[in-house]
Protein backbone atom coordinates (compact mmCIF):
# COMPACT_ATOMS: atom_id res chain seq x y z
CA UNK A 1 238.48 129.73 81.60
CA UNK A 2 235.49 127.37 81.40
CA UNK A 3 231.91 128.64 81.23
CA UNK A 4 231.20 127.15 84.68
CA UNK A 5 234.16 129.03 86.21
CA UNK A 6 232.94 132.23 84.59
CA UNK A 7 229.50 131.77 86.09
CA UNK A 8 231.02 131.13 89.51
CA UNK A 9 232.93 134.40 89.35
CA UNK A 10 229.72 136.27 88.52
CA UNK A 11 227.91 134.76 91.51
CA UNK A 12 226.12 131.91 89.77
CA UNK A 13 226.18 128.62 91.68
CA UNK A 14 225.15 125.43 89.89
CA UNK A 15 224.40 122.22 91.73
CA UNK A 16 226.04 119.07 90.49
CA UNK A 17 223.60 117.06 88.42
CA UNK A 18 222.83 113.50 89.54
CA UNK A 19 223.17 110.61 87.17
CA UNK A 20 219.48 109.78 87.51
CA UNK A 21 216.86 112.50 87.85
CA UNK A 22 214.31 112.12 90.61
CA UNK A 23 210.86 111.80 88.96
CA UNK A 24 208.11 114.21 89.91
CA UNK A 25 210.35 116.91 91.42
CA UNK A 26 210.51 120.30 89.78
CA UNK A 27 213.97 121.73 89.20
CA UNK A 28 214.28 125.25 90.54
CA UNK A 29 216.86 127.99 90.12
CA UNK A 30 217.09 130.48 93.01
CA UNK A 31 217.62 134.21 92.52
CA UNK A 32 218.53 136.41 95.48
CA UNK A 33 218.99 140.17 95.60
CA UNK A 34 220.93 142.26 98.09
CA UNK A 35 219.74 145.89 98.00
CA UNK A 36 222.51 147.91 99.59
CA UNK A 37 220.49 151.12 99.53
CA UNK A 38 217.75 149.46 101.56
CA UNK A 39 220.22 148.07 104.07
CA UNK A 40 221.85 151.46 104.57
CA UNK A 41 218.57 153.01 105.72
CA UNK A 42 217.76 153.18 109.39
CA UNK A 43 219.58 154.46 112.42
CA UNK A 44 223.18 154.00 111.25
CA UNK A 45 224.95 157.36 111.42
CA UNK A 46 227.61 158.41 108.90
CA UNK A 47 230.26 157.94 111.59
CA UNK A 48 229.05 154.42 112.36
CA UNK A 49 228.73 153.46 108.69
CA UNK A 50 232.51 153.02 108.36
CA UNK A 51 232.54 150.51 111.22
CA UNK A 52 229.39 148.64 110.15
CA UNK A 53 231.15 145.68 108.59
CA UNK A 54 233.26 145.08 111.69
CA UNK A 55 230.27 145.19 114.03
CA UNK A 56 227.63 143.52 111.84
CA UNK A 57 227.47 140.30 113.83
CA UNK A 58 227.17 142.06 117.19
CA UNK A 59 224.55 144.48 115.92
CA UNK A 60 222.43 141.61 114.58
CA UNK A 61 222.47 140.04 118.02
CA UNK A 62 221.10 143.20 119.61
CA UNK A 63 217.33 143.43 119.42
CA UNK A 64 216.88 146.37 121.78
CA UNK A 65 218.64 149.17 119.95
CA UNK A 66 216.22 152.08 119.78
CA UNK A 67 215.42 153.88 116.59
CA UNK A 68 214.94 157.63 116.44
CA UNK A 69 211.15 157.11 116.63
CA UNK A 70 211.49 155.15 119.90
CA UNK A 71 210.71 151.72 118.42
CA UNK A 72 213.17 148.84 118.68
CA UNK A 73 215.42 148.29 115.68
CA UNK A 74 214.65 145.04 113.87
CA UNK A 75 217.76 143.15 112.78
CA UNK A 76 217.74 141.93 109.20
CA UNK A 77 218.92 138.68 107.65
CA UNK A 78 221.84 139.25 105.33
CA UNK A 79 221.44 138.23 101.69
CA UNK A 80 223.26 134.88 101.99
CA UNK A 81 221.18 133.85 105.02
CA UNK A 82 217.99 134.90 103.28
CA UNK A 83 218.92 132.86 100.19
CA UNK A 84 219.67 129.84 102.40
CA UNK A 85 216.20 130.18 103.92
CA UNK A 86 214.68 130.31 100.43
CA UNK A 87 216.54 127.08 99.65
CA UNK A 88 214.90 125.42 102.66
CA UNK A 89 211.51 126.72 101.59
CA UNK A 90 211.99 125.34 98.07
CA UNK A 91 212.93 121.92 99.43
CA UNK A 92 209.90 121.98 101.75
CA UNK A 93 207.76 122.60 98.66
CA UNK A 94 209.18 119.45 97.06
CA UNK A 95 211.46 121.20 94.58
CA UNK A 96 215.06 120.29 93.75
CA UNK A 97 217.40 123.28 93.84
CA UNK A 98 219.88 122.99 90.96
CA UNK A 99 221.41 126.46 90.93
CA UNK A 100 221.32 129.89 92.49
CA UNK A 101 222.48 133.43 91.91
CA UNK A 102 222.86 136.40 94.24
CA UNK A 103 223.00 139.91 92.84
CA UNK A 104 223.94 143.01 94.78
CA UNK A 105 222.41 146.28 93.65
CA UNK A 106 222.01 149.77 95.03
CA UNK A 107 218.29 149.77 94.27
CA UNK A 108 215.65 147.60 92.64
CA UNK A 109 214.97 148.03 88.93
CA UNK A 110 211.24 148.93 88.62
CA UNK A 111 210.51 146.88 85.48
CA UNK A 112 212.46 143.66 86.15
CA UNK A 113 213.80 144.02 89.73
CA UNK A 114 217.38 143.08 88.79
CA UNK A 115 217.79 144.44 85.24
CA UNK A 116 217.38 142.92 81.78
CA UNK A 117 221.10 142.22 81.38
CA UNK A 118 221.31 140.14 84.53
CA UNK A 119 218.11 138.34 83.55
CA UNK A 120 219.70 137.31 80.23
CA UNK A 121 222.57 135.82 82.21
CA UNK A 122 220.15 134.01 84.53
CA UNK A 123 218.19 132.70 81.55
CA UNK A 124 221.36 131.16 80.15
CA UNK A 125 222.35 129.62 83.48
CA UNK A 126 218.85 128.22 84.02
CA UNK A 127 218.77 126.78 80.50
CA UNK A 128 222.15 125.09 80.98
CA UNK A 129 220.78 123.05 83.91
CA UNK A 130 217.29 122.64 82.40
CA UNK A 131 215.52 124.45 85.26
CA UNK A 132 211.72 124.29 85.32
CA UNK A 133 211.16 127.52 87.22
CA UNK A 134 212.90 130.52 88.82
CA UNK A 135 212.33 131.29 92.50
CA UNK A 136 212.96 134.91 93.52
CA UNK A 137 213.85 135.71 97.12
CA UNK A 138 211.82 138.89 96.86
CA UNK A 139 208.20 139.87 96.33
CA UNK A 140 207.51 140.69 92.68
CA UNK A 141 204.86 143.05 91.38
CA UNK A 142 202.52 141.59 88.73
CA UNK A 143 204.25 143.60 85.99
CA UNK A 144 207.73 142.54 87.15
CA UNK A 145 206.70 138.89 87.12
CA UNK A 146 205.34 139.16 83.55
CA UNK A 147 208.40 141.06 82.32
CA UNK A 148 210.81 138.53 83.82
CA UNK A 149 208.90 135.57 82.33
CA UNK A 150 209.13 137.15 78.87
CA UNK A 151 212.93 137.30 79.14
CA UNK A 152 213.73 133.96 80.81
CA UNK A 153 210.95 131.93 79.10
CA UNK A 154 210.27 130.01 82.30
CA UNK A 155 207.79 130.11 85.12
CA UNK A 156 208.68 132.71 87.74
CA UNK A 157 207.55 132.47 91.37
CA UNK A 158 208.25 134.96 94.12
CA UNK A 159 208.75 134.28 97.81
CA UNK A 160 205.13 134.86 98.84
CA UNK A 161 203.76 132.52 96.18
CA UNK A 162 206.22 129.83 97.29
CA UNK A 163 205.08 130.12 100.92
CA UNK A 164 201.45 129.91 99.83
CA UNK A 165 202.23 126.73 97.90
CA UNK A 166 203.85 125.15 100.96
CA UNK A 167 200.84 126.06 103.07
CA UNK A 168 198.53 124.52 100.48
CA UNK A 169 200.56 121.28 100.52
CA UNK A 170 200.56 120.95 104.32
CA UNK A 171 196.98 121.99 105.17
CA UNK A 172 195.09 118.88 106.26
CA UNK A 173 191.91 120.06 107.98
CA UNK A 174 189.05 121.84 106.21
CA UNK A 175 189.80 124.94 108.28
CA UNK A 176 193.42 125.03 107.21
CA UNK A 177 192.49 124.52 103.57
CA UNK A 178 190.00 127.40 103.72
CA UNK A 179 192.59 129.71 105.25
CA UNK A 180 195.15 128.86 102.57
CA UNK A 181 192.58 129.29 99.80
CA UNK A 182 191.64 132.74 101.09
CA UNK A 183 195.28 133.83 101.14
CA UNK A 184 195.83 132.45 97.62
CA UNK A 185 192.78 134.28 96.24
CA UNK A 186 193.88 137.55 97.82
CA UNK A 187 197.33 137.08 96.30
CA UNK A 188 195.94 136.18 92.87
CA UNK A 189 193.45 139.05 92.60
CA UNK A 190 195.89 141.86 91.64
CA UNK A 191 197.81 139.47 89.34
CA UNK A 192 195.01 138.69 86.91
CA UNK A 193 196.21 139.56 83.43
CA UNK A 194 193.02 138.81 81.47
CA UNK A 195 194.32 135.96 79.35
CA UNK A 196 191.31 136.09 76.99
CA UNK A 197 191.86 138.59 74.18
CA UNK A 198 188.23 138.50 73.08
CA UNK A 199 186.07 141.30 74.40
CA UNK A 200 182.43 140.88 75.30
CA UNK A 201 181.56 144.34 74.03
CA UNK A 202 178.12 145.46 73.01
CA UNK A 203 177.52 144.51 69.36
CA UNK A 204 175.43 146.04 66.60
CA UNK A 205 173.55 142.96 65.39
CA UNK A 206 171.30 140.20 66.63
CA UNK A 207 173.17 137.77 68.88
CA UNK A 208 176.20 140.03 69.31
CA UNK A 209 175.17 141.84 72.47
CA UNK A 210 177.47 140.68 75.29
CA UNK A 211 177.51 141.61 78.97
CA UNK A 212 179.84 144.52 78.24
CA UNK A 213 182.78 143.38 80.38
CA UNK A 214 186.19 141.97 79.63
CA UNK A 215 187.39 138.51 80.58
CA UNK A 216 189.53 140.19 83.27
CA UNK A 217 186.47 141.76 84.87
CA UNK A 218 184.65 138.43 84.75
CA UNK A 219 187.56 136.67 86.48
CA UNK A 220 187.73 139.37 89.14
CA UNK A 221 184.01 139.10 89.80
CA UNK A 222 184.31 135.31 90.24
CA UNK A 223 187.25 135.66 92.62
CA UNK A 224 185.47 138.32 94.70
CA UNK A 225 182.47 136.01 94.94
CA UNK A 226 184.67 133.08 96.02
CA UNK A 227 186.50 135.26 98.59
CA UNK A 228 183.17 136.23 100.17
CA UNK A 229 182.13 132.56 100.30
CA UNK A 230 185.40 131.48 101.94
CA UNK A 231 185.24 134.35 104.44
CA UNK A 232 181.72 133.29 105.42
CA UNK A 233 182.92 129.73 106.01
CA UNK A 234 185.87 130.96 108.06
CA UNK A 235 183.51 133.13 110.10
CA UNK A 236 181.59 129.96 110.94
CA UNK A 237 184.91 128.40 112.02
CA UNK A 238 185.61 131.41 114.26
CA UNK A 239 182.15 131.13 115.80
CA UNK A 240 182.60 127.42 116.53
CA UNK A 241 186.07 128.06 117.97
CA UNK A 242 184.66 130.83 120.16
CA UNK A 243 182.00 128.45 121.49
CA UNK A 244 184.59 125.76 122.20
CA UNK A 245 186.84 128.33 123.89
CA UNK A 246 183.93 129.60 125.96
CA UNK A 247 183.27 126.09 127.23
CA UNK A 248 186.96 125.65 128.06
CA UNK A 249 187.14 129.00 129.84
CA UNK A 250 184.09 128.14 131.95
CA UNK A 251 186.38 125.64 133.71
CA UNK A 252 189.51 126.97 135.46
CA UNK A 253 191.93 125.52 132.89
CA UNK A 254 194.61 127.82 131.50
CA UNK A 255 195.85 127.70 127.90
CA UNK A 256 199.56 127.84 127.06
CA UNK A 257 200.45 128.62 123.44
CA UNK A 258 203.68 127.57 121.74
CA UNK A 259 204.96 130.21 119.32
CA UNK A 260 208.24 130.62 117.50
CA UNK A 261 210.03 130.73 114.19
CA UNK A 262 209.33 127.91 111.79
CA UNK A 263 211.44 124.80 112.42
CA UNK A 264 212.34 125.88 115.97
CA UNK A 265 211.17 122.50 117.30
CA UNK A 266 207.73 123.51 118.63
CA UNK A 267 205.96 120.32 117.55
CA UNK A 268 208.76 118.15 118.96
CA UNK A 269 208.49 120.01 122.28
CA UNK A 270 204.69 119.69 122.11
CA UNK A 271 205.00 115.92 121.68
CA UNK A 272 207.54 115.65 124.49
CA UNK A 273 205.21 117.45 126.94
CA UNK A 274 201.88 115.94 125.86
CA UNK A 275 202.79 112.58 124.22
CA UNK A 276 200.42 113.69 121.44
CA UNK A 277 202.34 112.27 118.48
CA UNK A 278 201.67 115.17 116.10
CA UNK A 279 203.81 115.47 112.96
CA UNK A 280 207.28 116.83 113.76
CA UNK A 281 209.34 117.44 110.64
CA UNK A 282 212.48 119.43 109.79
CA UNK A 283 210.59 120.83 106.80
CA UNK A 284 209.30 124.37 107.15
CA UNK A 285 205.62 124.79 108.03
CA UNK A 286 205.07 121.12 108.83
CA UNK A 287 202.44 122.32 111.34
CA UNK A 288 199.55 124.39 110.01
CA UNK A 289 196.51 123.00 111.78
CA UNK A 290 196.34 123.82 115.51
CA UNK A 291 196.46 121.01 118.03
CA UNK A 292 195.45 121.32 121.70
CA UNK A 293 196.28 118.72 124.35
CA UNK A 294 196.20 118.63 128.14
CA UNK A 295 199.35 118.68 130.28
CA UNK A 296 199.60 117.84 133.99
CA UNK A 297 201.76 120.28 135.95
CA UNK A 298 203.79 119.40 139.08
CA UNK A 299 201.00 120.91 141.25
CA UNK A 300 198.64 118.43 139.54
CA UNK A 301 196.80 121.27 137.86
CA UNK A 302 196.00 120.69 134.22
CA UNK A 303 196.69 123.19 131.44
CA UNK A 304 195.93 123.07 127.74
CA UNK A 305 198.97 123.31 125.46
CA UNK A 306 198.38 124.67 121.95
CA UNK A 307 200.75 124.03 119.02
CA UNK A 308 200.58 126.79 116.39
CA UNK A 309 201.91 127.54 112.92
CA UNK A 310 205.50 128.72 112.81
CA UNK A 311 206.30 132.34 111.98
CA UNK A 312 208.64 133.46 109.22
CA UNK A 313 210.56 136.52 108.10
CA UNK A 314 208.31 138.80 106.06
CA UNK A 315 205.37 136.46 106.51
CA UNK A 316 202.78 137.61 103.94
CA UNK A 317 200.12 139.79 105.54
CA UNK A 318 197.41 137.83 103.71
CA UNK A 319 198.54 134.69 105.53
CA UNK A 320 198.51 136.37 108.95
CA UNK A 321 194.99 137.63 108.23
CA UNK A 322 193.79 134.29 106.85
CA UNK A 323 195.19 132.33 109.80
CA UNK A 324 193.79 134.74 112.38
CA UNK A 325 191.15 132.15 113.36
CA UNK A 326 193.94 129.71 114.22
CA UNK A 327 196.15 132.31 115.87
CA UNK A 328 193.31 133.42 118.15
CA UNK A 329 194.58 130.66 120.45
CA UNK A 330 197.69 132.81 120.91
CA UNK A 331 195.63 135.93 121.59
CA UNK A 332 193.56 134.20 124.28
CA UNK A 333 196.38 132.20 125.91
CA UNK A 334 197.23 132.73 129.57
CA UNK A 335 200.92 132.17 128.87
CA UNK A 336 203.01 132.19 125.69
CA UNK A 337 206.02 129.89 125.36
CA UNK A 338 208.35 131.56 122.88
CA UNK A 339 210.42 128.68 121.50
CA UNK A 340 213.75 129.47 119.79
CA UNK A 341 216.42 127.34 118.15
CA UNK A 342 219.44 127.56 120.43
CA UNK A 343 221.66 126.01 117.76
CA UNK A 344 220.86 128.65 115.11
CA UNK A 345 223.19 131.62 114.77
CA UNK A 346 220.19 133.53 113.43
CA UNK A 347 218.14 133.16 116.61
CA UNK A 348 218.23 136.91 117.36
CA UNK A 349 216.84 137.79 113.94
CA UNK A 350 214.27 135.01 114.13
CA UNK A 351 213.10 136.16 117.58
CA UNK A 352 212.70 139.70 116.24
CA UNK A 353 210.45 138.41 113.45
CA UNK A 354 208.32 136.55 116.00
CA UNK A 355 207.95 139.80 117.94
CA UNK A 356 206.63 141.51 114.81
CA UNK A 357 203.90 138.89 114.31
CA UNK A 358 202.96 138.88 118.02
CA UNK A 359 202.60 142.64 117.88
CA UNK A 360 200.37 142.35 114.82
CA UNK A 361 198.25 139.84 116.74
CA UNK A 362 198.18 142.25 119.72
CA UNK A 363 199.65 139.49 121.89
CA UNK A 364 203.04 141.11 122.58
CA UNK A 365 202.09 142.17 126.13
CA UNK A 366 201.00 138.74 127.33
CA UNK A 367 202.99 136.84 129.99
CA UNK A 368 205.77 135.04 128.20
CA UNK A 369 208.46 132.45 128.89
CA UNK A 370 211.50 132.13 126.64
CA UNK A 371 212.49 128.56 125.83
CA UNK A 372 215.71 127.83 123.94
CA UNK A 373 215.30 124.41 122.33
CA UNK A 374 217.82 122.06 120.65
CA UNK A 375 220.62 122.42 123.20
CA UNK A 376 221.57 118.86 122.24
CA UNK A 377 222.99 120.33 119.01
CA UNK A 378 225.37 122.64 120.92
CA UNK A 379 228.86 121.85 122.11
CA UNK A 380 228.57 119.57 125.15
CA UNK A 381 230.45 121.94 127.47
CA UNK A 382 228.38 124.94 126.37
CA UNK A 383 225.13 122.99 126.71
CA UNK A 384 226.02 121.87 130.23
CA UNK A 385 226.75 125.45 131.32
CA UNK A 386 223.53 126.81 129.80
CA UNK A 387 221.42 124.07 131.40
CA UNK A 388 223.05 124.80 134.78
CA UNK A 389 222.31 128.53 134.40
CA UNK A 390 218.65 127.90 133.54
CA UNK A 391 218.28 125.70 136.65
CA UNK A 392 218.20 128.94 138.65
CA UNK A 393 214.62 129.90 139.56
CA UNK A 394 215.42 133.50 138.57
CA UNK A 395 216.68 132.56 135.10
CA UNK A 396 214.97 134.60 132.39
CA UNK A 397 215.51 131.92 129.71
CA UNK A 398 215.16 128.15 129.97
CA UNK A 399 217.32 125.82 127.87
CA UNK A 400 215.83 122.45 126.92
CA UNK A 401 216.20 119.60 124.48
CA UNK A 402 212.82 118.32 123.36
CA UNK A 403 214.46 115.37 121.56
CA UNK A 404 216.38 114.15 124.62
CA UNK A 405 213.89 115.39 127.25
CA UNK A 406 216.51 117.54 128.96
CA UNK A 407 215.16 120.40 131.08
CA UNK A 408 211.48 119.54 130.60
CA UNK A 409 210.82 119.05 134.32
CA UNK A 410 212.20 122.51 134.98
CA UNK A 411 210.04 123.91 132.17
CA UNK A 412 206.85 122.38 133.59
CA UNK A 413 207.71 123.72 137.05
CA UNK A 414 208.23 127.23 135.68
CA UNK A 415 204.92 127.06 133.77
CA UNK A 416 203.26 125.92 137.00
CA UNK A 417 204.65 128.95 138.84
CA UNK A 418 203.53 131.41 136.15
CA UNK A 419 199.95 130.18 135.69
CA UNK A 420 197.51 132.23 137.78
CA UNK A 421 194.26 130.42 137.00
CA UNK A 422 192.96 128.07 139.69
CA UNK A 423 195.64 129.12 142.24
CA UNK A 424 197.14 126.49 144.51
CA UNK A 425 196.72 126.78 148.30
CA UNK A 426 198.32 124.87 151.17
CA UNK A 427 195.55 123.49 153.38
CA UNK A 428 194.91 121.08 156.22
CA UNK A 429 191.96 118.71 155.96
CA UNK A 430 190.10 116.33 158.21
CA UNK A 431 188.08 114.01 155.95
CA UNK A 432 185.95 111.05 157.10
CA UNK A 433 187.15 107.78 155.63
CA UNK A 434 183.72 107.05 154.17
CA UNK A 435 184.17 110.04 151.84
CA UNK A 436 186.02 107.86 149.36
CA UNK A 437 185.10 109.98 146.36
CA UNK A 438 186.60 113.13 147.89
CA UNK A 439 189.72 111.28 149.00
CA UNK A 440 190.19 109.98 145.47
CA UNK A 441 189.79 113.54 144.16
CA UNK A 442 192.54 114.70 146.51
CA UNK A 443 194.78 111.86 145.42
CA UNK A 444 194.32 112.82 141.76
CA UNK A 445 194.33 116.62 141.93
CA UNK A 446 196.41 117.59 145.00
CA UNK A 447 199.97 117.17 146.23
CA UNK A 448 199.68 115.42 149.57
CA UNK A 449 202.52 116.01 152.05
CA UNK A 450 201.23 114.15 155.09
CA UNK A 451 198.40 111.71 155.82
CA UNK A 452 197.32 110.30 159.20
CA UNK A 453 194.51 107.82 159.91
CA UNK A 454 192.73 107.86 163.28
CA UNK A 455 189.22 107.21 164.56
CA UNK A 456 187.73 106.85 161.07
CA UNK A 457 189.11 110.23 159.95
CA UNK A 458 192.01 111.08 157.66
CA UNK A 459 194.11 114.13 158.56
CA UNK A 460 195.92 115.53 155.53
CA UNK A 461 198.18 118.42 154.60
CA UNK A 462 198.16 119.16 150.88
CA UNK A 463 198.59 121.74 148.14
CA UNK A 464 195.36 121.86 146.17
CA UNK A 465 193.92 124.09 143.41
CA UNK A 466 191.08 126.45 144.30
CA UNK A 467 188.63 124.30 142.30
CA UNK A 468 189.38 121.36 144.63
CA UNK A 469 189.34 123.50 147.78
CA UNK A 470 185.77 124.59 147.00
CA UNK A 471 184.60 120.97 146.97
CA UNK A 472 186.41 120.23 150.25
CA UNK A 473 185.28 123.38 152.06
CA UNK A 474 183.45 121.67 154.92
CA UNK A 475 186.48 119.49 155.74
CA UNK A 476 189.12 122.25 155.74
CA UNK A 477 190.85 122.98 159.02
CA UNK A 478 190.76 126.82 159.48
CA UNK A 479 193.56 129.18 158.42
CA UNK A 480 194.83 127.75 155.11
CA UNK A 481 198.26 129.02 154.19
CA UNK A 482 198.65 130.65 150.73
CA UNK A 483 201.12 128.76 148.57
CA UNK A 484 203.06 131.96 147.82
CA UNK A 485 204.22 132.04 151.46
CA UNK A 486 205.14 128.36 151.53
CA UNK A 487 208.26 126.75 150.13
CA UNK A 488 207.17 125.17 146.83
CA UNK A 489 209.64 122.57 145.59
CA UNK A 490 211.22 123.01 142.19
CA UNK A 491 209.23 126.08 141.06
CA UNK A 492 209.79 129.75 140.42
CA UNK A 493 209.02 131.51 143.71
CA UNK A 494 208.45 134.85 142.04
CA UNK A 495 205.67 133.55 139.80
CA UNK A 496 206.48 136.32 137.39
CA UNK A 497 207.16 136.04 133.70
CA UNK A 498 210.41 136.63 132.00
């Protein structure tokens, strides 16, 4: 048996090496861990444990199973799916994955997470492919990280540090860079090891009296000072954002926020609805800096659509806190569009992770519309059936393809029906023809159903937002009919969220 076959039997997977190495790309070796003891915890009874393997797929699809404490059970990614996600993260960070290993254990080893013996095996596998660093699909304590590096003699990075690196690469605005820096400093603080061995202790002679603190304490003091400075700058960002939001809210324009798992196609959908041209990339966390653009609805009302950072399984708390200034757009939105990847078999798990972050942002009770994107990647027959089902005004989920533009008209109509700001009213008007400015306003902001010219006056019947009705008050024929009692083409008559 060859050494490569032996590694394969032990769970080590090595990528085939190219003839020419790509310059500038770090070579990474992935390490995953499947803790069976952790997976067995929860609401699974002893009787159900025997049937768990047979029902694993169905149970992952259920996101409403109640735990004993009354909270919904959160489905978990299995180890292989989690390792595949780590592979995507590594590639988004610009690394080349050249090997991986998955170990199954009953519990984590406190000193090294996976045990010294397994680490020796990993060290040999990583050396055989000349790996630059090891990426662990698990958060490591500072002591675990140091212990592992001593055994494998390579840089070791855990999942949180990898995500922080991706954020640092993709942040473009000053605000985004500040938020990433704050998260990095908060991550680094407990991991300072005091690399300087010299001690600035009080001496007994002239010129030997130091400040009486170690290099570690000095580093901590510098980081605390930098954290306070970054937090002050972010507070200024929050204040400016609040002022901008206050100006927007003074006008009757609603905000719709796009949220969803990373790489669900939010930016592509944002571009399709707004023609904004923001970066849309299959790489994870391609969008960090928020973008807001206006969208015209079928009623000719305008709403502001906000593209936000994608969520992720076990998203580091420091990142959620650091990006709170950006995610305030979600908290203040009138409607949340929860975008999911219809082609992913992990959509149930991904949606559950989005729910966790929305709850942390205290935005889980806001009106919401579920949008399943990427139906163009499904089987044609299945996609046709799903699109036909979502054409029903009572459908709780809309299926769209942002790439092909399928279902976007239906999506805009449903958004129009769910937005309550600046409500639309059916009215009859009699406007003198010399009021050209008001007639142009009606043409731009109202849906006109009939128009008759006689004796220098224009008689019109139109659906118009309340902000337009106020300007036309003196020309309104009495008894306007509320839109809710009138047939509104191509919209959700209920006006209620899903």
